[in-house]
Amino acid sequence: MNMDQKTAALPKAADRGESALDRLLKRIGRTEEFPTISKYVMEINQKLAVNPDDSNATDLANVILKDHALTSKLLKMVNSAFYGLAAGKVSTITRAVVVLGYENVRLATLSLGLFEHFKSKSSAKHLKEVVVGAFWSGMMSRELASMDGTVNPEEAFVCAMMTHLGKMAMIHYLPEEYRNICICMADRGIGEARAIRSACGVSYEQLGMALARQWNLPPQICNAIQPLSREELQDKKNPPERLRVLSGFVKALCDTIHGGGQAADKNRIKGILEHYQPHVTISGKQLKTLIKDSLENVHQHAHALSLNTSQSTFIEQLSAIYTLRKRPSPAEAVPAMPDRPNDSFHLTDDHLLKARARIPGTRNPKDIIMEGIQELSQIMMADYDVDTIALMSLEIFYRALDFQRALMFIQDSATRRMSVRFGYGHNCQQLIGSTGFQLGSSTDVFNLSIQVGKDLIVADSYDEKMTHIVPPWYRNKIDAPAFVFLPVVFQKVCIGALYADRDTEGLPISDAEHSYLSMLRNQLVLSIKYRQRTA
C-alpha cells in the first residue's frame, strides 16, 4: 500500500475526533456521579435560560438551599474579601441576591458547585493541581475583567475556570484514559496537547465544550473554552469576544506556569502577551504585578472555600516565576499517575444531605436563627421592601431546622383568604398561588390556631384526634405528617403565617427551637411595622 492509499484509509481527523468524543461522553455519562452533577448544573443554568425577567430570588435560593454544604460555602464566600462587601454580614441567600445581583449569585453558585464537585475528589495530587490552576485562572480573569470594564468579572471568573473543565473531567471520570496520556507523554517525550490527541483522539477543549453544551450552558461560556487561533486574534473585521480573549489569555498563562524553567517562563509569558495584543493591553510590568498579587489572593480566597493550596506544585511554580524561590524539579512537575476516584461524595444527593445534616458539628439552629435576626434588624433601617424581608425570614426559618418545606401564607384583606405567597423546599413552586384557605368561623386546625392566637405544632396529622380537624385542602395539596404553623399578627390582625413540615412523624421542633422561631417571627413583625411607618 503506497502512502496515498494509507492516507486515504485513515478516517478524517474531524471524523476521528467526533467518534472519539462520542465514546468518551458515553463513558462519562455511565459513571455514577455524572448524572447528579449534570442535573445540578442544568438546574442552576435554567433559572435564567428562558426569560431572566421571570426569575426571582426564591427560584435560585430553592436550588442552592437543597445542598447544605454548598449554601454554607456560598455564604462564606459572599462574606469574604472575594466580594469585599460593605453591607454587613450576609446570612441568607435572599439577601445575597439583593446585594450582589441575581446573575452574579447564579454564576457564583454555578462555579462553586462545579468547583466543590471536583475539589472533593482532589485527594490525588494530579487533580488537585488542575483544580488549583482552575481557581487561579478564574481569579486572574476576574481581576483582568475588573480592569477592562467591559466584561462582567463574575462571568469572566466562570469562563476561565471552565477552560479547565475538559482536563478535570478526563482525570476524574476517565482515569484509565488519563493514565494513557501520562504514559504517552513520558514514553514519547511530547507535550500534553499532542499526547491527549494521540491517546484519545480529542483535545481537552473539545471534551470541555461538549460537556458545557450538554449542560446547556450559555454560548459565551461554551465559546470561551475553545482557544483562539492567531488568525482569529488578528481578524480586525470580526474581533473575538472579550470573554473568550480573557479566558484564552489566562489559560495560556496557566499552561505556561505548569511547565518550563524560570527563564523560559518569562520568555513564554512575553510571547503570550505579544500573541494576544492588541486585545490584552496590559504591560509586562503590570502582568508581573498581577501575578505576584494573585498569589496572595489565591491563598486568601482559597481559605474561604476550604481549598488547601499547601504543597501545591502549581503555587510553587507560580511563586518561582518572579522570585528566587526554589522551583519544583521537572520530575515533580510531570503529572502523577491517577488513582481511582473516591466515590464517597454525591453533590445534591438528597439522602446524603439528610445524613450529613445529622452529623455532629453541623451548625446549631440557634446560631443560624440569631444571625438571621441580627441581619433582619440591620436591614430594617435600609431600603428593603417587605417582600424581601419576608423572604429572608422564611429562608432562615427553612434552613435553620432543615425542614422538608417552608411556606409563607399571606392574607388578602379584600377576600380574607390566606394563600401561599412564598416557599422553599419540596414541591413549593406548585403550591405558591394555588394553595390556601378561607378565614372564618371554620373549626379546622388552621382557623382554630388563628382564632385563639396560638402556634400550632403537630407531631402526627394522622392521629385520630387530628383527622376530623385537618381540612381537605391540606390533605389534597400538602398532606405532611408533622408540621408547625405560626400565625403572624400585626396590630391585632393575622396578616399571614409561617409554616414548615417534615416527612416523618414526631415532634417537628423542640421547645427551645420554638422559642427561637418565635423570636424570628417577632423580628419580622417589627420589620414590617418599621417599614410601614417609614413608607
Protein backbone atom coordinates (compact mmCIF):
# COMPACT_ATOMS: atom_id res chain seq x y z
CA MET A 1 0.00 0.00 0.00
CA ASN A 2 1.51 3.34 -1.03
CA MET A 3 1.46 6.48 1.09
CA ASP A 4 -1.60 7.93 -0.66
CA GLN A 5 -3.53 4.72 -0.03
CA LYS A 6 -2.54 4.74 3.64
CA THR A 7 -3.70 8.32 3.95
CA ALA A 8 -6.98 7.54 2.25
CA ALA A 9 -7.54 4.55 4.53
CA LEU A 10 -7.38 6.74 7.62
CA PRO A 11 -10.59 8.47 8.73
CA LYS A 12 -10.55 12.25 8.59
CA ALA A 13 -9.33 13.98 11.74
CA ALA A 14 -12.74 15.56 12.28
CA ASP A 15 -14.43 12.16 11.98
CA ARG A 16 -11.96 10.54 14.34
CA GLY A 17 -12.40 13.40 16.80
CA GLU A 18 -16.18 13.22 16.65
CA SER A 19 -16.41 9.46 17.12
CA ALA A 20 -13.76 9.51 19.84
CA LEU A 21 -15.58 12.34 21.58
CA ASP A 22 -18.87 10.46 21.45
CA ARG A 23 -17.26 7.42 23.01
CA LEU A 24 -15.73 9.46 25.83
CA LEU A 25 -19.03 11.25 26.52
CA LYS A 26 -20.88 7.94 26.70
CA ARG A 27 -18.36 6.56 29.18
CA ILE A 28 -18.58 9.69 31.32
CA GLY A 29 -22.38 9.53 31.22
CA ARG A 30 -22.31 6.00 32.62
CA THR A 31 -20.30 6.97 35.70
CA GLU A 32 -22.17 7.03 39.00
CA GLU A 33 -21.78 10.74 39.81
CA PHE A 34 -22.15 12.40 36.42
CA PRO A 35 -25.99 12.40 36.25
CA THR A 36 -26.17 14.12 39.66
CA ILE A 37 -23.75 16.95 38.84
CA SER A 38 -25.37 17.32 35.41
CA LYS A 39 -28.82 17.75 36.95
CA TYR A 40 -27.47 20.33 39.38
CA VAL A 41 -25.63 22.39 36.73
CA MET A 42 -28.58 22.34 34.35
CA GLU A 43 -31.00 23.37 37.10
CA ILE A 44 -28.85 26.35 38.08
CA ASN A 45 -28.35 27.35 34.45
CA GLN A 46 -32.01 27.07 33.50
CA LYS A 47 -33.02 29.68 36.06
CA LEU A 48 -32.12 32.40 33.56
CA ALA A 49 -32.08 30.41 30.33
CA VAL A 50 -35.66 31.11 29.23
CA ASN A 51 -36.53 34.59 30.47
CA PRO A 52 -34.37 36.35 33.06
CA ASP A 53 -37.19 38.75 33.92
CA ASP A 54 -39.38 35.88 35.11
CA SER A 55 -36.75 34.53 37.51
CA ASN A 56 -36.56 35.55 41.14
CA ALA A 57 -34.54 35.07 44.29
CA THR A 58 -36.83 32.28 45.51
CA ASP A 59 -36.23 30.16 42.39
CA LEU A 60 -32.48 30.41 42.73
CA ALA A 61 -32.44 30.01 46.51
CA ASN A 62 -34.52 26.83 46.24
CA VAL A 63 -31.80 25.22 44.12
CA ILE A 64 -28.97 26.39 46.37
CA LEU A 65 -30.65 25.53 49.68
CA LYS A 66 -31.03 21.87 48.65
CA ASP A 67 -27.34 21.47 49.43
CA HIS A 68 -26.37 22.47 52.97
CA ALA A 69 -22.64 22.40 52.29
CA LEU A 70 -22.98 24.49 49.14
CA THR A 71 -25.18 27.04 50.96
CA SER A 72 -22.61 27.43 53.73
CA LYS A 73 -19.70 27.74 51.27
CA LEU A 74 -21.56 30.30 49.15
CA LEU A 75 -22.43 32.46 52.17
CA LYS A 76 -18.86 32.15 53.40
CA MET A 77 -17.56 33.31 50.01
CA VAL A 78 -20.09 36.16 49.84
CA ASN A 79 -18.88 37.40 53.24
CA SER A 80 -15.19 37.02 52.39
CA ALA A 81 -12.86 39.55 50.82
CA PHE A 82 -13.68 37.92 47.46
CA TYR A 83 -16.57 40.38 47.13
CA GLY A 84 -15.45 42.99 49.66
CA LEU A 85 -18.99 43.87 50.68
CA ALA A 86 -19.57 46.88 52.88
CA ALA A 87 -23.19 45.97 53.56
CA GLY A 88 -22.60 43.99 56.74
CA LYS A 89 -22.71 40.23 57.16
CA VAL A 90 -24.97 38.36 54.76
CA SER A 91 -26.61 35.28 56.30
CA THR A 92 -29.28 34.44 53.71
CA ILE A 93 -29.21 33.59 50.01
CA THR A 94 -32.12 36.00 49.55
CA ARG A 95 -30.07 38.96 50.71
CA ALA A 96 -27.02 37.78 48.74
CA VAL A 97 -29.17 38.09 45.61
CA VAL A 98 -30.24 41.60 46.64
CA VAL A 99 -26.69 42.74 47.43
CA LEU A 100 -24.80 41.07 44.56
CA GLY A 101 -27.49 40.73 41.93
CA TYR A 102 -29.29 37.65 40.65
CA GLU A 103 -26.88 36.89 37.80
CA ASN A 104 -23.75 37.23 39.95
CA VAL A 105 -25.13 34.83 42.57
CA ARG A 106 -26.16 32.39 39.84
CA LEU A 107 -22.68 32.49 38.29
CA ALA A 108 -21.04 32.14 41.71
CA THR A 109 -23.25 29.14 42.51
CA LEU A 110 -22.50 27.51 39.17
CA SER A 111 -18.73 27.86 39.53
CA LEU A 112 -18.77 26.93 43.22
CA GLY A 113 -20.89 23.84 42.61
CA LEU A 114 -18.54 22.53 39.92
CA PHE A 115 -15.52 23.57 41.95
CA GLU A 116 -16.77 21.70 45.02
CA HIS A 117 -17.59 18.63 42.92
CA PHE A 118 -14.06 18.28 41.57
CA LYS A 119 -12.34 19.61 44.72
CA SER A 120 -13.93 16.88 46.81
CA LYS A 121 -12.19 14.30 44.62
CA SER A 122 -8.83 16.00 44.57
CA SER A 123 -7.06 13.97 47.23
CA ALA A 124 -4.93 12.73 44.33
CA LYS A 125 -2.13 15.16 43.53
CA HIS A 126 -2.79 15.46 39.79
CA LEU A 127 -6.44 16.53 40.13
CA LYS A 128 -5.66 18.91 42.98
CA GLU A 129 -3.15 20.72 40.77
CA VAL A 130 -5.70 21.20 37.99
CA VAL A 131 -8.32 22.44 40.48
CA VAL A 132 -5.85 24.94 41.98
CA GLY A 133 -4.88 26.08 38.48
CA ALA A 134 -8.53 26.49 37.51
CA PHE A 135 -9.18 28.58 40.61
CA TRP A 136 -6.14 30.77 39.90
CA SER A 137 -7.32 31.20 36.30
CA GLY A 138 -10.71 32.36 37.50
CA MET A 139 -9.15 34.83 39.93
CA MET A 140 -6.79 36.26 37.27
CA SER A 141 -9.55 36.59 34.68
CA ARG A 142 -11.81 38.25 37.25
CA GLU A 143 -9.12 40.82 38.02
CA LEU A 144 -8.43 41.48 34.32
CA ALA A 145 -12.17 41.90 33.69
CA SER A 146 -12.37 44.45 36.51
CA MET A 147 -9.55 46.39 34.86
CA ASP A 148 -11.15 46.02 31.42
CA GLY A 149 -14.51 47.44 32.49
CA THR A 150 -16.47 45.90 29.59
CA VAL A 151 -16.79 42.35 30.95
CA ASN A 152 -18.71 41.06 33.98
CA PRO A 153 -15.96 39.92 36.41
CA GLU A 154 -18.06 37.02 37.72
CA GLU A 155 -18.73 35.80 34.19
CA ALA A 156 -15.00 36.07 33.45
CA PHE A 157 -14.28 34.01 36.58
CA VAL A 158 -16.63 31.21 35.46
CA CYS A 159 -15.41 31.19 31.87
CA ALA A 160 -11.76 30.97 32.86
CA MET A 161 -12.45 28.13 35.28
CA MET A 162 -14.39 26.31 32.56
CA THR A 163 -11.35 26.24 30.26
CA HIS A 164 -10.07 23.50 32.61
CA LEU A 165 -13.32 21.51 32.59
CA GLY A 166 -12.16 19.01 29.97
CA LYS A 167 -9.00 18.07 31.84
CA MET A 168 -10.74 17.86 35.22
CA ALA A 169 -13.40 15.61 33.68
CA MET A 170 -10.77 13.43 32.00
CA ILE A 171 -8.82 12.91 35.23
CA HIS A 172 -11.86 12.29 37.39
CA TYR A 173 -14.25 10.38 35.15
CA LEU A 174 -11.77 8.65 32.82
CA PRO A 175 -8.70 7.75 34.91
CA GLU A 176 -7.54 4.99 32.55
CA GLU A 177 -7.51 7.36 29.58
CA TYR A 178 -5.62 9.95 31.61
CA ARG A 179 -3.11 7.28 32.61
CA ASN A 180 -2.52 6.58 28.91
CA ILE A 181 -1.99 10.30 28.27
CA CYS A 182 0.68 10.41 31.01
CA ILE A 183 2.36 7.29 29.62
CA CYS A 184 2.35 8.81 26.13
CA MET A 185 3.98 11.99 27.41
CA ALA A 186 6.68 10.07 29.28
CA ASP A 187 7.44 7.48 26.59
CA ARG A 188 7.42 9.80 23.58
CA GLY A 189 8.64 12.99 25.23
CA ILE A 190 5.80 15.07 23.81
CA GLY A 191 3.60 17.78 25.28
CA GLU A 192 0.20 17.15 26.84
CA ALA A 193 -1.79 18.67 23.95
CA ARG A 194 -0.23 16.22 21.48
CA ALA A 195 -0.42 13.34 23.94
CA ILE A 196 -4.18 13.61 24.51
CA ARG A 197 -4.85 13.71 20.78
CA SER A 198 -2.62 10.71 20.27
CA ALA A 199 -4.09 8.69 23.15
CA CYS A 200 -7.75 9.78 22.96
CA GLY A 201 -8.32 11.40 19.58
CA VAL A 202 -9.66 14.65 21.06
CA SER A 203 -8.42 17.71 22.92
CA TYR A 204 -9.29 18.76 26.46
CA GLU A 205 -11.04 21.78 24.97
CA GLN A 206 -13.26 19.62 22.76
CA LEU A 207 -14.25 17.48 25.73
CA GLY A 208 -14.91 20.54 27.90
CA MET A 209 -17.01 22.25 25.24
CA ALA A 210 -19.05 19.09 24.67
CA LEU A 211 -19.83 18.80 28.40
CA ALA A 212 -20.69 22.51 28.64
CA ARG A 213 -23.09 22.21 25.71
CA GLN A 214 -24.59 19.05 27.17
CA TRP A 215 -25.35 21.09 30.29
CA ASN A 216 -26.92 23.85 28.14
CA LEU A 217 -24.51 26.45 29.46
CA PRO A 218 -24.73 29.90 27.80
CA PRO A 219 -22.92 30.17 24.44
CA GLN A 220 -20.42 32.69 25.78
CA ILE A 221 -19.21 30.17 28.37
CA CYS A 222 -19.02 27.32 25.84
CA ASN A 223 -17.17 29.50 23.34
CA ALA A 224 -14.68 30.69 25.96
CA ILE A 225 -13.40 27.12 26.36
CA GLN A 226 -12.16 26.98 22.75
CA PRO A 227 -8.70 28.62 22.36
CA LEU A 228 -8.29 31.40 19.81
CA SER A 229 -6.11 30.89 16.78
CA ARG A 230 -3.65 33.54 15.60
CA GLU A 231 -5.91 34.23 12.62
CA GLU A 232 -8.90 34.90 14.89
CA LEU A 233 -6.86 37.24 17.07
CA GLN A 234 -5.65 39.17 14.02
CA ASP A 235 -9.09 39.43 12.41
CA LYS A 236 -9.91 43.16 12.59
CA LYS A 237 -13.28 42.87 10.85
CA ASN A 238 -14.64 40.30 13.31
CA PRO A 239 -12.75 40.75 16.57
CA PRO A 240 -13.15 37.89 19.09
CA GLU A 241 -15.41 38.16 22.12
CA ARG A 242 -13.76 39.75 25.15
CA LEU A 243 -14.68 36.84 27.40
CA ARG A 244 -13.02 34.40 25.03
CA VAL A 245 -9.93 36.59 24.81
CA LEU A 246 -9.52 36.85 28.58
CA SER A 247 -10.18 33.14 29.11
CA GLY A 248 -7.71 32.13 26.40
CA PHE A 249 -5.06 34.53 27.66
CA VAL A 250 -5.28 33.32 31.25
CA LYS A 251 -5.42 29.65 30.19
CA ALA A 252 -2.23 30.16 28.15
CA LEU A 253 -0.57 31.73 31.20
CA CYS A 254 -1.71 28.85 33.41
CA ASP A 255 -0.36 26.22 30.99
CA THR A 256 2.96 28.05 30.83
CA ILE A 257 3.25 28.25 34.61
CA HIS A 258 2.69 24.50 34.85
CA GLY A 259 5.93 23.76 32.97
CA GLY A 260 9.34 25.08 31.92
CA GLY A 261 12.21 26.76 33.73
CA GLN A 262 12.12 30.17 35.32
CA ALA A 263 13.76 31.97 32.40
CA ALA A 264 11.70 30.02 29.90
CA ASP A 265 8.51 31.04 31.67
CA LYS A 266 9.36 34.73 31.45
CA ASN A 267 10.08 34.41 27.73
CA ARG A 268 6.91 32.45 27.13
CA ILE A 269 4.81 34.93 29.08
CA LYS A 270 6.27 37.71 26.96
CA GLY A 271 5.31 35.70 23.88
CA ILE A 272 1.76 35.22 25.18
CA LEU A 273 1.39 38.98 25.73
CA GLU A 274 2.55 39.63 22.16
CA HIS A 275 0.22 36.90 20.84
CA TYR A 276 -2.86 38.48 22.45
CA GLN A 277 -2.08 42.10 21.59
CA PRO A 278 -3.87 44.40 20.92
CA HIS A 279 -6.77 42.63 22.68
CA VAL A 280 -4.91 42.45 26.02
CA THR A 281 -3.29 45.81 26.54
CA ILE A 282 -1.55 45.39 29.88
CA SER A 283 2.23 45.73 30.00
CA GLY A 284 4.70 43.10 31.12
CA LYS A 285 5.25 45.09 34.32
CA GLN A 286 1.51 45.18 35.04
CA LEU A 287 1.23 41.46 34.43
CA LYS A 288 4.16 40.81 36.76
CA THR A 289 2.35 42.76 39.49
CA LEU A 290 -0.90 40.91 38.80
CA ILE A 291 0.79 37.51 39.05
CA LYS A 292 2.50 38.49 42.30
CA ASP A 293 -0.77 39.76 43.75
CA SER A 294 -2.58 36.65 42.57
CA LEU A 295 -0.54 34.51 44.97
CA GLU A 296 -1.89 36.39 47.99
CA ASN A 297 -5.40 36.43 46.52
CA VAL A 298 -5.42 32.69 45.90
CA HIS A 299 -4.26 31.91 49.42
CA GLN A 300 -6.80 34.33 50.93
CA HIS A 301 -9.82 33.21 48.95
CA ALA A 302 -8.87 29.53 48.91
CA HIS A 303 -9.24 29.59 52.69
CA ALA A 304 -12.82 30.84 52.35
CA LEU A 305 -13.52 27.90 50.00
CA SER A 306 -11.65 25.33 52.12
CA LEU A 307 -9.22 24.70 49.28
CA ASN A 308 -5.86 23.52 50.56
CA THR A 309 -3.11 25.11 48.45
CA SER A 310 -0.25 23.98 50.69
CA GLN A 311 2.33 21.83 48.92
CA SER A 312 0.77 22.71 45.57
CA THR A 313 3.26 22.36 42.74
CA PHE A 314 1.34 24.95 40.74
CA ILE A 315 1.62 27.52 43.55
CA GLU A 316 5.35 26.77 43.85
CA GLN A 317 5.77 27.26 40.11
CA LEU A 318 3.76 30.47 40.24
CA SER A 319 5.97 31.76 43.06
CA ALA A 320 9.15 30.89 41.20
CA ILE A 321 8.47 32.98 38.10
CA TYR A 322 9.37 36.38 39.56
CA THR A 323 11.07 35.32 42.78
CA LEU A 324 14.17 33.40 43.82
CA ARG A 325 12.23 30.59 45.47
CA LYS A 326 13.29 27.06 44.59
CA ARG A 327 11.43 25.75 41.58
CA PRO A 328 10.00 22.21 41.63
CA SER A 329 12.11 19.76 39.71
CA PRO A 330 10.91 18.64 36.27
CA ALA A 331 10.10 15.24 37.75
CA GLU A 332 7.80 16.87 40.29
CA ALA A 333 6.06 18.82 37.53
CA VAL A 334 5.13 15.73 35.46
CA PRO A 335 1.53 14.67 36.18
CA ALA A 336 1.32 11.77 38.61
CA MET A 337 -0.39 8.59 37.55
CA PRO A 338 -4.07 8.88 38.53
CA ASP A 339 -5.53 6.98 41.41
CA ARG A 340 -9.03 5.59 41.33
CA PRO A 341 -11.56 8.34 42.13
CA ASN A 342 -13.15 8.48 45.55
CA ASP A 343 -16.86 7.75 45.15
CA SER A 344 -17.92 8.95 48.60
CA PHE A 345 -19.35 12.34 47.62
CA HIS A 346 -22.53 12.98 45.63
CA LEU A 347 -23.38 16.65 45.12
CA THR A 348 -27.02 17.50 45.99
CA ASP A 349 -27.88 13.87 46.73
CA ASP A 350 -30.98 14.13 48.92
CA HIS A 351 -30.26 11.11 51.11
CA LEU A 352 -26.69 12.16 51.72
CA LEU A 353 -27.76 15.69 52.59
CA LYS A 354 -30.16 14.41 55.23
CA ALA A 355 -27.50 12.15 56.67
CA ARG A 356 -25.00 14.98 56.69
CA ALA A 357 -27.42 17.26 58.50
CA ARG A 358 -27.41 14.85 61.44
CA ILE A 359 -23.64 14.64 61.74
CA PRO A 360 -22.32 16.13 64.99
CA GLY A 361 -20.73 19.50 64.33
CA THR A 362 -23.44 20.75 61.99
CA ARG A 363 -24.25 24.41 62.74
CA ASN A 364 -26.58 24.91 65.68
CA PRO A 365 -30.07 26.10 64.62
CA LYS A 366 -29.86 28.75 67.32
CA ASP A 367 -26.78 30.28 65.67
CA ILE A 368 -28.44 30.43 62.25
CA ILE A 369 -31.62 31.98 63.66
CA MET A 370 -29.78 34.52 65.84
CA GLU A 371 -27.56 35.57 62.92
CA GLY A 372 -30.68 35.94 60.81
CA ILE A 373 -32.42 38.07 63.43
CA GLN A 374 -29.38 40.31 63.64
CA GLU A 375 -29.33 40.72 59.87
CA LEU A 376 -33.06 41.49 59.78
CA SER A 377 -32.57 44.18 62.42
CA GLN A 378 -29.77 45.72 60.32
CA ILE A 379 -31.67 45.80 57.03
CA MET A 380 -34.79 47.09 58.76
CA MET A 381 -33.20 50.55 58.56
CA ALA A 382 -32.24 50.11 54.91
CA ASP A 383 -34.43 50.45 51.85
CA TYR A 384 -35.66 46.84 51.65
CA ASP A 385 -39.24 46.09 50.69
CA VAL A 386 -41.50 43.95 52.87
CA ASP A 387 -41.43 41.02 50.40
CA THR A 388 -37.63 40.78 50.62
CA ILE A 389 -37.73 40.90 54.42
CA ALA A 390 -40.43 38.20 54.43
CA LEU A 391 -38.38 36.01 52.06
CA MET A 392 -35.29 36.36 54.23
CA SER A 393 -37.31 35.39 57.33
CA LEU A 394 -38.73 32.33 55.58
CA GLU A 395 -35.31 31.25 54.35
CA ILE A 396 -33.89 31.42 57.88
CA PHE A 397 -36.93 29.51 59.15
CA TYR A 398 -36.40 26.81 56.49
CA ARG A 399 -32.61 26.46 56.68
CA ALA A 400 -32.12 26.61 60.44
CA LEU A 401 -34.08 23.44 61.20
CA ASP A 402 -33.67 21.56 57.91
CA PHE A 403 -37.39 21.30 57.22
CA GLN A 404 -38.73 19.37 54.24
CA ARG A 405 -40.59 22.50 53.16
CA ALA A 406 -41.32 26.02 54.44
CA LEU A 407 -44.17 28.24 53.26
CA MET A 408 -45.37 31.74 53.99
CA PHE A 409 -49.10 32.37 53.93
CA ILE A 410 -50.29 35.96 53.36
CA GLN A 411 -53.83 37.21 53.94
CA ASP A 412 -55.66 39.05 51.19
CA SER A 413 -57.57 41.66 53.21
CA ALA A 414 -60.21 42.06 50.48
CA THR A 415 -61.18 38.38 50.31
CA ARG A 416 -59.96 37.27 53.77
CA ARG A 417 -58.17 34.36 52.17
CA MET A 418 -54.80 33.03 53.37
CA SER A 419 -52.71 31.93 50.38
CA VAL A 420 -49.15 30.64 49.95
CA ARG A 421 -47.07 33.59 48.70
CA PHE A 422 -43.52 32.25 49.11
CA GLY A 423 -41.97 28.85 49.60
CA TYR A 424 -38.74 26.89 49.94
CA GLY A 425 -38.20 23.17 49.61
CA HIS A 426 -40.22 20.21 48.36
CA ASN A 427 -42.90 20.93 45.77
CA CYS A 428 -43.21 24.55 46.87
CA GLN A 429 -43.48 26.02 43.38
CA GLN A 430 -46.67 24.05 42.76
CA LEU A 431 -48.19 25.41 45.98
CA ILE A 432 -47.45 29.12 45.51
CA GLY A 433 -50.59 30.96 44.49
CA SER A 434 -52.72 27.82 44.27
CA THR A 435 -52.91 26.73 47.89
CA GLY A 436 -54.67 28.37 50.82
CA PHE A 437 -57.80 28.60 52.93
CA GLN A 438 -60.60 30.97 53.80
CA LEU A 439 -60.52 32.75 57.15
CA GLY A 440 -63.73 32.47 59.12
CA SER A 441 -65.60 30.51 61.73
CA SER A 442 -64.46 27.13 60.43
CA THR A 443 -63.25 24.67 63.06
CA ASP A 444 -60.32 23.36 61.02
CA VAL A 445 -56.99 23.30 62.79
CA PHE A 446 -55.56 26.34 60.96
CA ASN A 447 -58.52 28.63 61.61
CA LEU A 448 -58.57 27.49 65.23
CA SER A 449 -54.91 28.40 65.60
CA ILE A 450 -55.56 31.91 64.27
CA GLN A 451 -58.77 32.41 66.28
CA VAL A 452 -57.18 31.58 69.63
CA GLY A 453 -53.82 33.18 68.76
CA LYS A 454 -51.78 30.07 69.45
CA ASP A 455 -48.98 28.41 67.49
CA LEU A 456 -49.75 25.00 66.04
CA ILE A 457 -47.23 22.17 66.48
CA VAL A 458 -48.44 18.83 65.10
CA ALA A 459 -46.47 15.63 65.63
CA ASP A 460 -48.87 13.31 63.76
CA SER A 461 -51.55 14.73 61.48
CA TYR A 462 -52.98 11.22 61.04
CA ASP A 463 -53.67 10.75 64.73
CA GLU A 464 -57.36 10.05 65.33
CA LYS A 465 -57.63 13.24 67.40
CA MET A 466 -56.48 15.26 64.39
CA THR A 467 -58.17 13.65 61.41
CA HIS A 468 -61.51 15.43 61.80
CA ILE A 469 -59.95 18.92 62.08
CA VAL A 470 -57.32 18.67 59.32
CA PRO A 471 -59.06 20.29 56.32
CA PRO A 472 -59.43 18.65 52.88
CA TRP A 473 -57.37 21.33 51.11
CA TYR A 474 -54.39 20.38 53.29
CA ARG A 475 -54.78 16.66 52.56
CA ASN A 476 -55.07 17.33 48.83
CA LYS A 477 -52.24 19.84 48.48
CA ILE A 478 -49.64 19.22 51.23
CA ASP A 479 -50.52 16.26 53.48
CA ALA A 480 -47.38 16.19 55.68
CA PRO A 481 -47.38 14.00 58.80
CA ALA A 482 -45.71 16.60 61.08
CA PHE A 483 -45.78 20.39 60.78
CA VAL A 484 -45.70 23.77 62.50
CA PHE A 485 -47.95 26.76 61.81
CA LEU A 486 -47.04 30.12 63.37
CA PRO A 487 -49.54 32.96 62.79
CA VAL A 488 -48.01 36.39 62.13
CA VAL A 489 -50.10 39.05 63.88
CA PHE A 490 -49.75 42.79 63.29
CA GLN A 491 -51.99 45.33 65.03
CA LYS A 492 -54.21 42.51 66.31
CA VAL A 493 -54.81 41.18 62.78
CA CYS A 494 -53.38 37.92 61.43
CA ILE A 495 -51.66 39.13 58.26
CA GLY A 496 -50.00 35.81 57.48
CA ALA A 497 -48.33 32.72 58.88
CA LEU A 498 -45.06 30.80 58.79
CA TYR A 499 -45.48 27.10 58.03
CA ALA A 500 -42.98 24.23 57.82
CA ASP A 501 -43.23 20.45 57.76
CA ARG A 502 -41.34 17.18 57.94
CA ASP A 503 -41.81 13.96 56.01
CA THR A 504 -41.86 11.73 59.10
CA GLU A 505 -43.99 11.62 62.24
CA GLY A 506 -42.70 13.09 65.51
CA LEU A 507 -42.40 16.49 67.11
CA PRO A 508 -41.20 18.82 64.31
CA ILE A 509 -39.48 21.23 66.72
CA SER A 510 -38.36 21.28 70.34
CA ASP A 511 -39.48 23.82 72.93
CA ALA A 512 -36.17 25.68 72.62
CA GLU A 513 -36.42 25.76 68.83
CA HIS A 514 -39.98 27.06 69.14
CA SER A 515 -38.68 29.92 71.28
CA TYR A 516 -36.07 30.88 68.69
CA LEU A 517 -38.61 30.71 65.86
CA SER A 518 -40.93 32.95 67.87
CA MET A 519 -38.10 35.46 68.18
CA LEU A 520 -37.62 35.31 64.41
CA ARG A 521 -41.32 35.92 63.86
CA ASN A 522 -41.25 38.87 66.29
CA GLN A 523 -38.37 40.40 64.35
CA LEU A 524 -40.35 40.00 61.13
CA VAL A 525 -43.33 41.80 62.67
CA LEU A 526 -41.05 44.56 63.97
CA SER A 527 -39.52 44.98 60.49
CA ILE A 528 -42.97 45.18 58.87
CA LYS A 529 -44.06 47.74 61.46
CA TYR A 530 -40.97 49.87 60.81
CA ARG A 531 -41.35 49.70 57.02
CA GLN A 532 -45.00 50.72 57.25
CA ARG A 533 -44.13 53.67 59.47
CA THR A 534 -41.43 54.93 57.10
CA ALA A 535 -43.33 54.25 53.86
